[in-house]
N, C-alpha and C. Protein backbone atom coordinates (compact mmCIF):
# COMPACT_ATOMS: atom_id res chain seq x y z
N MET A 1 -30.08 -22.41 61.35
CA MET A 1 -30.72 -21.27 60.84
C MET A 1 -30.28 -20.48 61.49
N LEU A 2 -29.48 -19.75 62.68
CA LEU A 2 -28.23 -18.96 62.95
C LEU A 2 -27.45 -18.40 61.32
N ARG A 3 -27.12 -20.02 60.96
CA ARG A 3 -25.68 -19.23 59.28
C ARG A 3 -27.29 -18.94 58.34
N ARG A 4 -28.27 -19.42 57.74
CA ARG A 4 -28.97 -18.73 56.59
C ARG A 4 -29.26 -17.61 57.34
N GLY A 5 -29.78 -17.02 58.25
CA GLY A 5 -29.68 -15.79 58.60
C GLY A 5 -28.26 -15.18 58.33
N SER A 6 -27.19 -15.38 58.63
CA SER A 6 -25.34 -15.07 58.58
C SER A 6 -26.02 -14.83 57.06
N ILE A 7 -25.83 -16.16 56.26
CA ILE A 7 -25.60 -15.40 55.23
C ILE A 7 -26.76 -14.92 53.96
N PHE A 8 -28.22 -14.46 54.42
CA PHE A 8 -29.34 -14.01 54.19
C PHE A 8 -28.72 -12.44 54.14
N PHE A 9 -27.78 -11.82 55.20
CA PHE A 9 -27.60 -10.56 55.65
C PHE A 9 -26.31 -10.74 55.05
N ALA A 10 -26.13 -11.26 54.84
CA ALA A 10 -24.30 -11.19 54.12
C ALA A 10 -24.43 -10.60 52.31
N LEU A 11 -25.23 -11.39 51.90
CA LEU A 11 -26.21 -10.78 50.93
C LEU A 11 -26.69 -10.06 50.33
N LEU A 12 -27.92 -9.19 51.34
CA LEU A 12 -28.65 -8.23 51.79
C LEU A 12 -27.69 -6.89 51.64
N THR A 13 -25.92 -7.26 52.26
CA THR A 13 -25.08 -6.28 52.77
C THR A 13 -25.10 -5.77 50.91
N ALA A 14 -24.60 -6.68 50.73
CA ALA A 14 -23.61 -7.17 48.77
C ALA A 14 -24.96 -5.94 48.42
N VAL A 15 -25.50 -6.11 47.46
CA VAL A 15 -26.60 -5.87 47.21
C VAL A 15 -26.84 -4.44 47.17
N VAL A 16 -27.15 -4.13 48.87
CA VAL A 16 -26.44 -2.93 48.88
C VAL A 16 -25.86 -1.87 48.80
N SER A 17 -23.89 -2.73 49.00
CA SER A 17 -23.02 -2.43 48.54
C SER A 17 -23.28 -2.21 47.16
N ALA A 18 -23.34 -2.91 46.34
CA ALA A 18 -22.94 -2.65 45.00
C ALA A 18 -23.78 -1.36 44.30
N GLN A 19 -25.36 -1.38 44.89
CA GLN A 19 -26.19 -0.15 44.39
C GLN A 19 -25.53 1.32 44.22
N ALA A 20 -25.33 1.21 45.81
CA ALA A 20 -24.43 2.41 46.26
C ALA A 20 -23.26 2.79 45.48
N ARG A 21 -22.20 1.92 45.46
CA ARG A 21 -21.75 2.13 44.33
C ARG A 21 -21.61 2.36 42.35
N SER A 22 -22.80 1.71 42.35
CA SER A 22 -23.38 2.45 41.29
C SER A 22 -23.74 3.33 41.01
N ALA A 23 -24.81 3.81 42.09
CA ALA A 23 -25.25 5.72 41.82
C ALA A 23 -23.35 6.24 42.32
N ASP A 24 -22.95 6.57 42.30
CA ASP A 24 -21.40 7.19 42.75
C ASP A 24 -20.74 6.88 41.61
N HIS A 25 -21.17 6.44 40.59
CA HIS A 25 -19.67 6.14 38.76
C HIS A 25 -20.66 7.00 38.20
N PRO A 26 -20.20 7.81 37.32
CA PRO A 26 -20.92 8.13 35.66
C PRO A 26 -21.22 6.88 35.35
N ASP A 27 -22.30 7.86 34.33
CA ASP A 27 -22.68 6.98 32.95
C ASP A 27 -21.73 6.59 32.09
N TYR A 28 -21.44 5.27 32.00
CA TYR A 28 -20.56 4.98 31.09
C TYR A 28 -21.16 4.97 29.45
N VAL A 29 -22.50 5.33 29.45
CA VAL A 29 -23.40 6.04 28.27
C VAL A 29 -24.07 7.44 28.38
N PRO A 30 -23.16 8.41 28.56
CA PRO A 30 -23.59 9.88 29.45
C PRO A 30 -24.57 10.23 28.20
N ASP A 31 -24.23 10.07 26.61
CA ASP A 31 -25.53 11.29 26.35
C ASP A 31 -25.03 9.81 23.90
N LYS A 32 -25.95 11.38 23.79
CA LYS A 32 -26.61 10.47 22.54
C LYS A 32 -25.29 10.31 21.58
N ARG A 33 -24.73 11.40 21.93
CA ARG A 33 -22.87 11.27 20.92
C ARG A 33 -22.16 10.07 21.30
N THR A 34 -22.32 9.55 21.87
CA THR A 34 -21.87 8.17 22.65
C THR A 34 -21.89 6.67 22.25
N ALA A 35 -23.29 7.61 23.30
CA ALA A 35 -25.20 5.91 22.61
C ALA A 35 -25.20 5.41 20.70
N GLU A 36 -25.01 6.35 19.92
CA GLU A 36 -24.45 6.61 18.39
C GLU A 36 -23.73 5.56 17.98
N ALA A 37 -22.71 5.98 19.13
CA ALA A 37 -20.74 5.44 18.66
C ALA A 37 -20.97 3.92 18.45
N VAL A 38 -21.55 3.20 19.73
CA VAL A 38 -21.83 1.93 20.64
C VAL A 38 -22.83 1.44 19.53
N GLY A 39 -23.59 2.01 19.03
CA GLY A 39 -25.43 1.35 19.01
C GLY A 39 -24.63 1.24 17.15
N LEU A 40 -23.51 2.09 16.50
CA LEU A 40 -23.16 1.51 15.46
C LEU A 40 -22.81 1.16 15.31
N ALA A 41 -21.89 0.51 16.82
CA ALA A 41 -20.34 -0.81 16.54
C ALA A 41 -20.93 -1.71 16.53
N ILE A 42 -22.12 -2.43 16.89
CA ILE A 42 -22.65 -2.82 18.02
C ILE A 42 -23.60 -3.57 16.20
N LEU A 43 -24.39 -3.02 15.86
CA LEU A 43 -25.03 -2.88 14.21
C LEU A 43 -24.02 -3.77 14.02
N GLN A 44 -23.56 -3.35 13.07
CA GLN A 44 -22.25 -3.52 12.04
C GLN A 44 -21.83 -4.86 11.66
N ALA A 45 -21.47 -5.08 13.84
CA ALA A 45 -20.83 -6.84 13.95
C ALA A 45 -22.32 -7.66 13.05
N LYS A 46 -23.01 -6.67 14.16
CA LYS A 46 -24.46 -8.07 14.05
C LYS A 46 -25.00 -7.95 12.86
N PHE A 47 -24.71 -6.70 12.04
CA PHE A 47 -25.65 -7.05 10.70
C PHE A 47 -24.74 -7.04 9.55
N GLY A 48 -23.89 -6.06 9.49
CA GLY A 48 -22.83 -6.04 8.30
C GLY A 48 -22.29 -4.59 8.17
N GLU A 49 -22.25 -4.07 8.30
CA GLU A 49 -21.46 -2.17 7.70
C GLU A 49 -22.05 -2.03 6.49
N ALA A 50 -22.35 -2.61 5.68
CA ALA A 50 -23.41 -2.84 4.31
C ALA A 50 -24.49 -2.60 4.79
N GLU A 51 -25.55 -3.71 5.32
CA GLU A 51 -26.64 -3.78 5.04
C GLU A 51 -27.51 -2.47 6.21
N VAL A 52 -25.75 -1.91 7.49
CA VAL A 52 -26.32 -0.72 8.52
C VAL A 52 -26.34 0.55 7.20
N LYS A 53 -25.51 0.66 6.27
CA LYS A 53 -24.94 1.49 5.41
C LYS A 53 -26.25 2.10 5.51
N LYS A 54 -27.13 1.02 4.81
CA LYS A 54 -28.12 1.22 4.16
C LYS A 54 -30.10 1.67 4.65
N GLN A 55 -29.55 2.22 5.98
CA GLN A 55 -30.54 2.94 6.95
C GLN A 55 -29.35 4.11 8.42
N LEU A 56 -28.71 4.40 7.32
CA LEU A 56 -27.88 5.51 7.96
C LEU A 56 -28.94 6.83 7.29
N PRO A 57 -29.38 7.60 8.04
CA PRO A 57 -28.70 7.51 9.57
C PRO A 57 -29.22 7.02 10.33
N LEU A 58 -28.46 7.13 11.43
CA LEU A 58 -29.54 6.07 13.02
C LEU A 58 -29.98 7.18 13.75
N THR A 59 -30.74 6.80 14.24
CA THR A 59 -31.81 7.81 15.14
C THR A 59 -31.64 7.39 16.65
N VAL A 60 -30.93 8.82 17.74
CA VAL A 60 -30.79 7.67 18.82
C VAL A 60 -31.89 8.24 19.72
N ILE A 61 -32.81 7.64 20.98
CA ILE A 61 -33.55 7.86 21.54
C ILE A 61 -33.43 7.71 23.05
N ARG A 62 -34.06 8.25 23.69
CA ARG A 62 -33.51 8.02 25.06
C ARG A 62 -34.67 7.12 25.28
N GLY A 63 -34.79 5.90 25.35
CA GLY A 63 -35.70 5.32 26.18
C GLY A 63 -36.01 5.45 27.70
N ARG A 64 -37.99 4.19 28.13
CA ARG A 64 -37.46 4.30 29.24
C ARG A 64 -36.85 4.52 30.36
N GLY A 65 -36.57 4.42 30.96
CA GLY A 65 -35.54 4.17 32.33
C GLY A 65 -34.38 4.79 32.15
N ASN A 66 -33.41 3.78 31.81
CA ASN A 66 -32.37 4.46 31.05
C ASN A 66 -31.99 3.73 30.14
N VAL A 67 -32.13 3.62 29.33
CA VAL A 67 -31.78 2.86 27.46
C VAL A 67 -31.68 3.88 26.44
N TRP A 68 -30.87 3.84 25.71
CA TRP A 68 -31.34 4.49 24.90
C TRP A 68 -31.26 3.76 23.61
N ILE A 69 -32.06 4.11 22.65
CA ILE A 69 -32.74 3.03 21.56
C ILE A 69 -32.12 4.16 19.99
N VAL A 70 -30.63 2.74 20.12
CA VAL A 70 -30.50 4.32 18.51
C VAL A 70 -31.05 2.86 17.86
N GLN A 71 -31.95 3.39 16.50
CA GLN A 71 -32.38 2.80 16.21
C GLN A 71 -32.02 2.94 13.43
N GLY A 72 -31.49 1.92 13.26
CA GLY A 72 -31.44 2.56 11.80
C GLY A 72 -33.69 3.29 11.40
N ASN A 73 -32.37 3.33 10.09
CA ASN A 73 -33.86 4.57 8.82
C ASN A 73 -34.39 3.01 7.46
N ALA A 74 -35.16 2.72 7.70
CA ALA A 74 -35.07 1.55 7.24
C ALA A 74 -36.64 2.27 5.92
N SER A 75 -35.07 2.69 4.39
CA SER A 75 -36.29 3.21 3.77
C SER A 75 -37.20 2.34 3.19
N GLU A 76 -37.20 1.37 3.69
CA GLU A 76 -38.40 0.61 3.04
C GLU A 76 -38.56 -0.81 3.82
N PRO A 77 -40.80 -0.20 4.14
CA PRO A 77 -40.65 -1.91 5.28
C PRO A 77 -40.48 -2.40 5.28
N ILE A 78 -39.86 -3.44 6.77
CA ILE A 78 -38.94 -4.46 6.57
C ILE A 78 -39.74 -5.31 7.51
N ALA A 79 -39.99 -6.39 6.60
CA ALA A 79 -41.91 -7.12 7.29
C ALA A 79 -42.70 -6.26 7.63
N THR A 80 -42.61 -6.44 9.25
CA THR A 80 -43.74 -6.02 9.66
C THR A 80 -43.82 -4.29 10.57
N GLY A 81 -41.67 -4.01 10.81
CA GLY A 81 -41.86 -3.21 11.17
C GLY A 81 -40.56 -1.72 10.10
N GLY A 82 -39.86 -1.30 11.41
CA GLY A 82 -38.81 -0.12 10.94
C GLY A 82 -37.18 -0.54 10.71
N GLY A 83 -36.26 -0.30 10.86
CA GLY A 83 -34.63 -0.15 11.12
C GLY A 83 -34.70 -1.09 12.28
N MET A 84 -32.78 -1.88 11.60
CA MET A 84 -32.61 -1.93 13.08
C MET A 84 -32.32 -1.61 13.73
N ALA A 85 -32.39 -2.14 15.30
CA ALA A 85 -31.73 -0.84 16.41
C ALA A 85 -30.73 -2.21 17.67
N VAL A 86 -30.33 -1.69 18.47
CA VAL A 86 -30.22 -1.66 19.73
C VAL A 86 -30.58 -0.71 20.91
N TRP A 87 -30.49 -1.46 22.28
CA TRP A 87 -30.47 -0.79 23.36
C TRP A 87 -30.09 -1.25 24.10
N ILE A 88 -29.20 -0.06 24.88
CA ILE A 88 -28.36 0.10 25.45
C ILE A 88 -27.69 1.06 27.18
N ASP A 89 -28.12 0.02 28.32
CA ASP A 89 -28.07 0.91 29.30
C ASP A 89 -27.25 1.55 29.94
N ARG A 90 -27.47 2.55 29.38
CA ARG A 90 -26.70 3.58 30.06
C ARG A 90 -25.88 4.16 31.20
N ASN A 91 -26.57 3.45 31.72
CA ASN A 91 -25.53 3.35 33.30
C ASN A 91 -24.48 2.46 33.61
N SER A 92 -24.35 0.94 32.41
CA SER A 92 -23.84 -0.01 32.70
C SER A 92 -22.97 -0.03 31.14
N GLY A 93 -24.09 0.60 29.93
CA GLY A 93 -22.74 0.16 29.17
C GLY A 93 -23.10 -1.53 27.70
N CYS A 94 -24.08 -1.84 28.81
CA CYS A 94 -24.62 -3.49 28.99
C CYS A 94 -25.55 -2.78 27.74
N ILE A 95 -25.75 -4.15 26.43
CA ILE A 95 -26.50 -4.24 25.44
C ILE A 95 -27.46 -5.17 26.45
N VAL A 96 -28.89 -4.25 26.20
CA VAL A 96 -29.87 -4.79 26.37
C VAL A 96 -30.69 -5.67 25.43
N ASN A 97 -30.64 -5.71 24.11
CA ASN A 97 -31.28 -6.08 23.46
C ASN A 97 -30.59 -5.54 22.12
N VAL A 98 -31.06 -6.34 20.57
CA VAL A 98 -30.21 -6.32 19.52
C VAL A 98 -31.92 -6.66 18.59
N MET A 99 -31.76 -5.85 17.45
CA MET A 99 -33.22 -5.80 16.21
C MET A 99 -33.21 -6.26 15.16
N ALA A 100 -33.19 -7.38 14.20
CA ALA A 100 -33.41 -6.95 12.63
C ALA A 100 -34.70 -5.82 12.61
N TYR A 101 -34.81 -5.27 12.74
CA TYR A 101 -35.87 -4.75 13.15
C TYR A 101 -37.28 -4.10 13.85
N MET A 102 -37.20 -2.82 13.87
CA MET A 102 -38.49 -2.47 15.40
C MET A 102 -39.30 -2.61 15.02
N LYS A 103 -40.47 -2.53 15.70
CA LYS A 103 -42.04 -2.65 15.65
C LYS A 103 -41.77 -1.01 15.50
């Protein structure tokens, strides 16, 4: 029983410590310009440069929480939604989601 408590305490300490460190560093994707550059690279890698070029200029908005949404502008409706999109976590720079079209 003592060992289980020690493991729990160690894990709790690690989580709290990691959260404190993440609050100390600056955002990896701090502004729209950076989000657009990252989003463009991801979309071109996923869908190809020619397909992305059809949906330029990209629109960059701040989504809920700490997410940037970089979206293409579809000139004609694609299936049931708009242009391709990538969601980027502002704090970590991680890619949250990539979509062929946004609803």
